[in-house]
Amino acid sequence: MGNFASGSGNWIIVIWAAAAGLFFLGITVMVGRVMDPARRRLEQLASATATPSAPSAMGELLKPFARLLLPAGGTERGAMTEKLRYAGYTSDSAVQYLYAIKGVLGLGLPLIWYGCSRFFPTLSTGRIFFFALAAAFVGMLLPNKWLDRRVAARQKSLRNGFPDALDMLTVCVESGLGLAAAIQRVADELEISHPELAMELAQVNAQMRAGVERETALRGLAERTGLDDIRGLVGLLVQTLRFGTGVADALRVYANEFRDKRMQRAEEAAAKMGTKLIFPLVLCLFPCFFVVAIGPAVIRLVEAFSGH
């Protein structure tokens, strides 16, 4: 009877291990499909031609569960769509993928915890239930945190590459190239050093070639990135194209203004450095300094008093 119980317990462990492996395999495949750079590039080029793409298999699979996974309010869905666009995911099914991952994690992590809770026999039923709820909360929160970090990292990458792109764009326009040709040349030059910005500029050029108006293509660049610097450049270029003034002169003026803004940001960061160093100095450097400076004297005092 004991052998049967131990054998059934081993089978339960094997089943839970297989279920956990399949769960994480599904998460890996789903995230890989979303983050595949080749798939993202094809989707962006397809959206540039303004032709509706065929629905993906994952999108078709999630359609019956759309009411359960997607938020009912249009405001929340619009905000999440905008955040996904800032992160570089412009596909129509990106929101479905995100909420599918949240749903799978919200249900899978409590099940995995319930399967692992048998290894903690001292836990009460109330604690097991509480930790299951905590696992569900973490599973629903992790995709949002990852998306915020992805947006911050992508915008930082775009912001770092924007000064080089602006200087190169000014040089290309001043040398006689048109706006579309200059944007394409800058995208080709930045493909290795700043791939995110190069992909966005290449998409703008692809939209212009596909027949989209230049103002619409440029405003789409500002909407996809969400950066004030790029939004200011787009507004300047749109105003220049609308009134027929020289693009080179406008770019030169904006480049000078952007250098001033960059210098101001550097001076602001340098001014904040003293305040930011207070906590590392107080918590890390000063205790070590006091130990080195006062430690020998304290040891001698202890030895002197202990000798008497």
Protein backbone atom coordinates (compact mmCIF):
# COMPACT_ATOMS: atom_id res chain seq x y z
CA MET A 1 0.00 0.00 0.00
CA GLY A 2 2.90 2.31 0.85
CA ASN A 3 4.59 1.49 -2.46
CA PHE A 4 1.38 2.36 -4.32
CA ALA A 5 1.11 5.70 -2.49
CA SER A 6 4.75 6.54 -3.18
CA GLY A 7 4.33 5.52 -6.83
CA SER A 8 1.23 7.67 -7.25
CA GLY A 9 3.05 10.58 -5.59
CA ASN A 10 5.91 10.23 -8.07
CA TRP A 11 3.44 10.21 -10.97
CA ILE A 12 1.81 13.38 -9.64
CA ILE A 13 5.23 15.07 -9.51
CA VAL A 14 5.97 13.98 -13.07
CA ILE A 15 2.59 15.28 -14.29
CA TRP A 16 3.04 18.65 -12.60
CA ALA A 17 6.59 18.93 -13.96
CA ALA A 18 5.35 18.19 -17.48
CA ALA A 19 2.52 20.71 -17.12
CA ALA A 20 4.96 23.37 -15.92
CA GLY A 21 7.31 22.60 -18.81
CA LEU A 22 4.51 22.87 -21.37
CA PHE A 23 3.31 26.10 -19.76
CA PHE A 24 6.71 27.80 -19.97
CA LEU A 25 7.23 26.41 -23.48
CA GLY A 26 3.98 28.03 -24.59
CA ILE A 27 5.01 31.33 -22.97
CA THR A 28 8.39 31.16 -24.73
CA VAL A 29 6.82 30.50 -28.13
CA MET A 30 4.25 33.27 -27.68
CA VAL A 31 6.84 35.84 -26.57
CA GLY A 32 9.16 34.73 -29.38
CA ARG A 33 6.46 35.32 -31.96
CA VAL A 34 5.84 38.80 -30.63
CA MET A 35 9.51 39.79 -30.26
CA ASP A 36 10.78 38.27 -33.52
CA PRO A 37 12.57 41.19 -35.27
CA ALA A 38 11.98 39.75 -38.74
CA ARG A 39 8.26 39.42 -38.08
CA ARG A 40 8.12 42.96 -36.69
CA ARG A 41 9.97 44.34 -39.74
CA LEU A 42 7.60 42.56 -42.12
CA GLU A 43 4.57 43.82 -40.21
CA GLN A 44 5.89 47.39 -40.29
CA LEU A 45 6.64 47.22 -44.01
CA ALA A 46 3.19 45.74 -44.59
CA SER A 47 1.57 48.54 -42.60
CA ALA A 48 3.60 51.07 -44.59
CA THR A 49 1.87 50.00 -47.80
CA ALA A 50 -1.51 50.59 -46.10
CA THR A 51 -2.85 47.17 -47.06
CA PRO A 52 -4.71 45.07 -44.51
CA SER A 53 -2.71 42.04 -43.46
CA ALA A 54 -4.11 38.57 -43.03
CA PRO A 55 -5.07 37.72 -39.46
CA SER A 56 -2.51 35.59 -37.66
CA ALA A 57 -3.24 32.15 -36.27
CA MET A 58 -2.82 33.41 -32.72
CA GLY A 59 -5.27 36.24 -33.39
CA GLU A 60 -7.82 33.77 -34.74
CA LEU A 61 -7.30 31.58 -31.70
CA LEU A 62 -7.84 34.48 -29.31
CA LYS A 63 -10.96 35.84 -31.01
CA PRO A 64 -13.41 33.67 -29.00
CA PHE A 65 -11.73 34.82 -25.78
CA ALA A 66 -11.43 38.50 -26.75
CA ARG A 67 -14.26 39.54 -24.42
CA LEU A 68 -12.56 37.85 -21.48
CA LEU A 69 -8.99 38.95 -22.19
CA LEU A 70 -9.38 42.46 -23.56
CA PRO A 71 -10.55 45.37 -21.37
CA ALA A 72 -14.11 46.50 -21.89
CA GLY A 73 -13.29 50.21 -21.72
CA GLY A 74 -12.01 51.84 -24.87
CA THR A 75 -9.85 54.26 -22.88
CA GLU A 76 -7.79 51.51 -21.25
CA ARG A 77 -7.44 49.62 -24.52
CA GLY A 78 -6.36 52.80 -26.32
CA ALA A 79 -3.77 53.57 -23.64
CA MET A 80 -2.38 50.04 -23.84
CA THR A 81 -2.30 50.21 -27.65
CA GLU A 82 -0.39 53.48 -27.46
CA LYS A 83 2.09 52.01 -25.00
CA LEU A 84 2.61 48.98 -27.24
CA ARG A 85 3.18 51.33 -30.16
CA TYR A 86 5.83 53.16 -28.16
CA ALA A 87 7.44 49.79 -27.44
CA GLY A 88 7.64 49.04 -31.16
CA TYR A 89 4.68 46.67 -31.55
CA THR A 90 2.35 48.19 -34.11
CA SER A 91 0.43 45.05 -35.04
CA ASP A 92 -3.32 45.02 -34.54
CA SER A 93 -3.05 41.77 -32.58
CA ALA A 94 -0.38 43.09 -30.18
CA VAL A 95 -3.01 43.92 -27.55
CA GLN A 96 -4.46 40.43 -27.84
CA TYR A 97 -1.01 38.90 -27.40
CA LEU A 98 -0.36 41.01 -24.31
CA TYR A 99 -3.63 40.15 -22.59
CA ALA A 100 -3.27 36.51 -23.60
CA ILE A 101 0.11 36.42 -21.84
CA LYS A 102 -1.42 38.14 -18.81
CA GLY A 103 -4.26 35.62 -18.73
CA VAL A 104 -1.94 32.62 -19.08
CA LEU A 105 0.39 33.89 -16.35
CA GLY A 106 -2.54 34.83 -14.11
CA LEU A 107 -3.92 31.29 -14.33
CA GLY A 108 -0.70 29.30 -14.77
CA LEU A 109 1.33 30.63 -11.85
CA PRO A 110 -1.37 29.81 -9.23
CA LEU A 111 -1.70 26.32 -10.70
CA ILE A 112 2.05 25.82 -10.54
CA TRP A 113 2.11 27.08 -6.97
CA TYR A 114 -0.75 24.74 -6.07
CA GLY A 115 1.22 21.85 -7.51
CA CYS A 116 4.35 22.84 -5.60
CA SER A 117 2.49 23.47 -2.34
CA ARG A 118 2.44 19.75 -1.59
CA PHE A 119 6.16 20.03 -0.83
CA PHE A 120 5.28 22.42 2.04
CA PRO A 121 3.01 20.33 4.27
CA THR A 122 3.24 22.79 7.17
CA LEU A 123 1.39 25.51 5.23
CA SER A 124 -2.26 25.90 6.06
CA THR A 125 -5.01 26.05 3.45
CA GLY A 126 -5.49 29.77 4.01
CA ARG A 127 -1.82 30.50 3.34
CA ILE A 128 -1.81 28.35 0.23
CA PHE A 129 -4.82 30.24 -1.07
CA PHE A 130 -3.21 33.59 -0.19
CA PHE A 131 0.01 32.71 -2.03
CA ALA A 132 -2.04 31.51 -5.02
CA LEU A 133 -3.77 34.91 -5.16
CA ALA A 134 -0.38 36.61 -4.87
CA ALA A 135 0.95 34.49 -7.74
CA ALA A 136 -2.07 35.45 -9.87
CA PHE A 137 -1.51 39.13 -9.07
CA VAL A 138 2.17 38.86 -9.98
CA GLY A 139 1.30 37.04 -13.20
CA MET A 140 -1.09 39.81 -14.21
CA LEU A 141 1.38 42.53 -13.24
CA LEU A 142 4.57 41.17 -14.83
CA PRO A 143 3.61 41.90 -18.48
CA ASN A 144 2.82 45.53 -17.60
CA LYS A 145 6.16 45.97 -15.84
CA TRP A 146 7.99 44.35 -18.74
CA LEU A 147 6.16 46.61 -21.20
CA ASP A 148 7.09 49.73 -19.20
CA ARG A 149 10.75 48.69 -19.19
CA ARG A 150 10.58 47.96 -22.91
CA VAL A 151 9.11 51.40 -23.64
CA ALA A 152 11.75 53.12 -21.50
CA ALA A 153 14.59 51.17 -23.14
CA ARG A 154 13.33 51.83 -26.67
CA GLN A 155 12.78 55.53 -26.08
CA LYS A 156 16.25 55.79 -24.55
CA SER A 157 17.71 54.10 -27.62
CA LEU A 158 15.81 56.46 -29.94
CA ARG A 159 16.83 59.49 -27.89
CA ASN A 160 20.50 58.47 -27.97
CA GLY A 161 20.46 58.05 -31.75
CA PHE A 162 18.48 61.18 -32.51
CA PRO A 163 21.41 63.70 -32.35
CA ASP A 164 23.43 61.69 -34.88
CA ALA A 165 20.40 61.30 -37.13
CA LEU A 166 19.64 65.02 -36.98
CA ASP A 167 23.20 66.01 -37.87
CA MET A 168 23.33 63.49 -40.72
CA LEU A 169 19.94 64.61 -42.00
CA THR A 170 21.11 68.24 -42.02
CA VAL A 171 24.26 67.33 -43.94
CA CYS A 172 22.32 65.23 -46.47
CA VAL A 173 19.73 67.96 -47.12
CA GLU A 174 22.40 70.64 -47.41
CA SER A 175 24.29 68.50 -49.93
CA GLY A 176 21.29 68.56 -52.28
CA LEU A 177 19.34 65.40 -51.46
CA GLY A 178 15.57 65.48 -51.20
CA LEU A 179 13.80 64.83 -47.92
CA ALA A 180 12.85 61.22 -48.77
CA ALA A 181 16.32 60.38 -50.10
CA ALA A 182 17.95 62.03 -47.09
CA ILE A 183 15.78 60.05 -44.65
CA GLN A 184 16.62 56.81 -46.47
CA ARG A 185 20.34 57.60 -46.42
CA VAL A 186 20.26 58.35 -42.70
CA ALA A 187 18.34 55.11 -42.09
CA ASP A 188 20.98 53.14 -44.01
CA GLU A 189 23.83 54.77 -42.08
CA LEU A 190 22.21 54.17 -38.68
CA GLU A 191 21.20 50.56 -39.32
CA ILE A 192 24.13 49.19 -37.30
CA SER A 193 24.60 51.79 -34.55
CA HIS A 194 20.93 52.67 -33.90
CA PRO A 195 18.69 49.97 -35.43
CA GLU A 196 15.47 51.13 -33.74
CA LEU A 197 15.70 54.66 -35.13
CA ALA A 198 16.87 53.37 -38.51
CA MET A 199 13.81 51.10 -38.72
CA GLU A 200 11.47 53.98 -37.93
CA LEU A 201 13.07 56.23 -40.56
CA ALA A 202 12.96 53.41 -43.10
CA GLN A 203 9.26 52.97 -42.40
CA VAL A 204 8.68 56.68 -43.00
CA ASN A 205 10.47 56.44 -46.34
CA ALA A 206 8.52 53.29 -47.25
CA GLN A 207 5.25 55.08 -46.54
CA MET A 208 6.29 58.00 -48.73
CA ARG A 209 7.16 55.63 -51.56
CA ALA A 210 3.83 53.86 -51.14
CA GLY A 211 1.98 57.12 -51.81
CA VAL A 212 1.28 58.29 -48.27
CA GLU A 213 1.48 62.06 -47.86
CA ARG A 214 4.71 63.28 -46.34
CA GLU A 215 2.95 65.07 -43.49
CA THR A 216 1.02 61.92 -42.59
CA ALA A 217 4.15 59.77 -42.69
CA LEU A 218 6.09 62.21 -40.54
CA ARG A 219 3.28 62.53 -38.00
CA GLY A 220 3.14 58.74 -37.84
CA LEU A 221 6.82 58.77 -36.83
CA ALA A 222 6.03 61.09 -33.93
CA GLU A 223 3.06 58.94 -32.85
CA ARG A 224 5.09 55.70 -32.91
CA THR A 225 8.02 57.04 -30.91
CA GLY A 226 6.31 59.31 -28.38
CA LEU A 227 9.43 61.51 -27.97
CA ASP A 228 9.16 65.27 -27.67
CA ASP A 229 12.38 65.78 -29.62
CA ILE A 230 11.13 63.81 -32.61
CA ARG A 231 7.70 65.43 -32.30
CA GLY A 232 9.34 68.85 -32.47
CA LEU A 233 11.36 67.86 -35.55
CA VAL A 234 8.25 66.49 -37.23
CA GLY A 235 6.33 69.68 -36.49
CA LEU A 236 9.16 71.74 -37.92
CA LEU A 237 9.35 69.64 -41.09
CA VAL A 238 5.57 69.69 -41.56
CA GLN A 239 5.48 73.46 -41.19
CA THR A 240 8.40 73.80 -43.61
CA LEU A 241 6.74 71.60 -46.22
CA ARG A 242 3.42 73.40 -45.81
CA PHE A 243 4.81 76.91 -46.31
CA GLY A 244 7.48 75.96 -48.84
CA THR A 245 10.49 77.28 -46.93
CA GLY A 246 13.96 75.74 -47.10
CA VAL A 247 14.29 72.42 -45.31
CA ALA A 248 18.04 72.82 -44.84
CA ASP A 249 17.68 76.16 -43.04
CA ALA A 250 14.97 74.79 -40.77
CA LEU A 251 17.05 71.70 -39.93
CA ARG A 252 20.09 73.84 -39.17
CA VAL A 253 18.09 76.03 -36.79
CA TYR A 254 16.55 73.00 -35.06
CA ALA A 255 19.96 71.33 -34.78
CA ASN A 256 21.31 74.41 -33.00
CA GLU A 257 18.31 74.49 -30.67
CA PHE A 258 18.67 70.79 -29.98
CA ARG A 259 22.34 71.22 -29.10
CA ASP A 260 21.32 73.91 -26.61
CA LYS A 261 18.68 71.59 -25.12
CA ARG A 262 21.19 68.76 -24.91
CA MET A 263 23.65 71.05 -23.12
CA GLN A 264 20.93 72.13 -20.72
CA ARG A 265 20.06 68.50 -19.96
CA ALA A 266 23.73 67.76 -19.34
CA GLU A 267 24.04 70.74 -16.98
CA GLU A 268 20.86 69.67 -15.18
CA ALA A 269 22.20 66.13 -14.75
CA ALA A 270 25.50 67.51 -13.43
CA ALA A 271 23.66 69.74 -10.96
CA LYS A 272 21.67 66.76 -9.65
CA MET A 273 24.79 64.66 -9.20
CA GLY A 274 25.66 66.16 -5.80
CA THR A 275 22.22 65.37 -4.41
CA LYS A 276 22.27 61.84 -5.79
CA LEU A 277 25.68 61.17 -4.20
CA ILE A 278 24.44 61.95 -0.67
CA PHE A 279 22.91 58.54 -0.05
CA PRO A 280 25.88 56.47 -1.39
CA LEU A 281 28.27 58.62 0.63
CA VAL A 282 26.28 58.37 3.85
CA LEU A 283 25.47 54.65 3.54
CA CYS A 284 28.68 53.31 1.97
CA LEU A 285 31.65 55.65 2.15
CA PHE A 286 31.28 57.36 5.52
CA PRO A 287 30.93 54.13 7.58
CA CYS A 288 34.09 52.74 5.97
CA PHE A 289 35.91 56.03 6.60
CA PHE A 290 34.91 56.07 10.25
CA VAL A 291 35.97 52.43 10.69
CA VAL A 292 39.39 53.13 9.18
CA ALA A 293 39.92 56.47 10.93
CA ILE A 294 38.45 55.79 14.38
CA GLY A 295 38.72 51.99 14.51
CA PRO A 296 42.37 51.79 15.68
CA ALA A 297 41.76 54.39 18.41
CA VAL A 298 38.72 52.49 19.65
CA ILE A 299 40.69 49.25 19.73
CA ARG A 300 43.49 50.90 21.74
CA LEU A 301 40.98 52.36 24.20
CA VAL A 302 39.38 48.95 24.67
CA GLU A 303 42.77 47.34 25.23
CA ALA A 304 43.79 50.09 27.67
CA PHE A 305 40.65 49.78 29.76
CA SER A 306 40.70 46.00 29.67
CA GLY A 307 44.34 46.02 30.91
CA HIS A 308 43.35 47.88 34.08
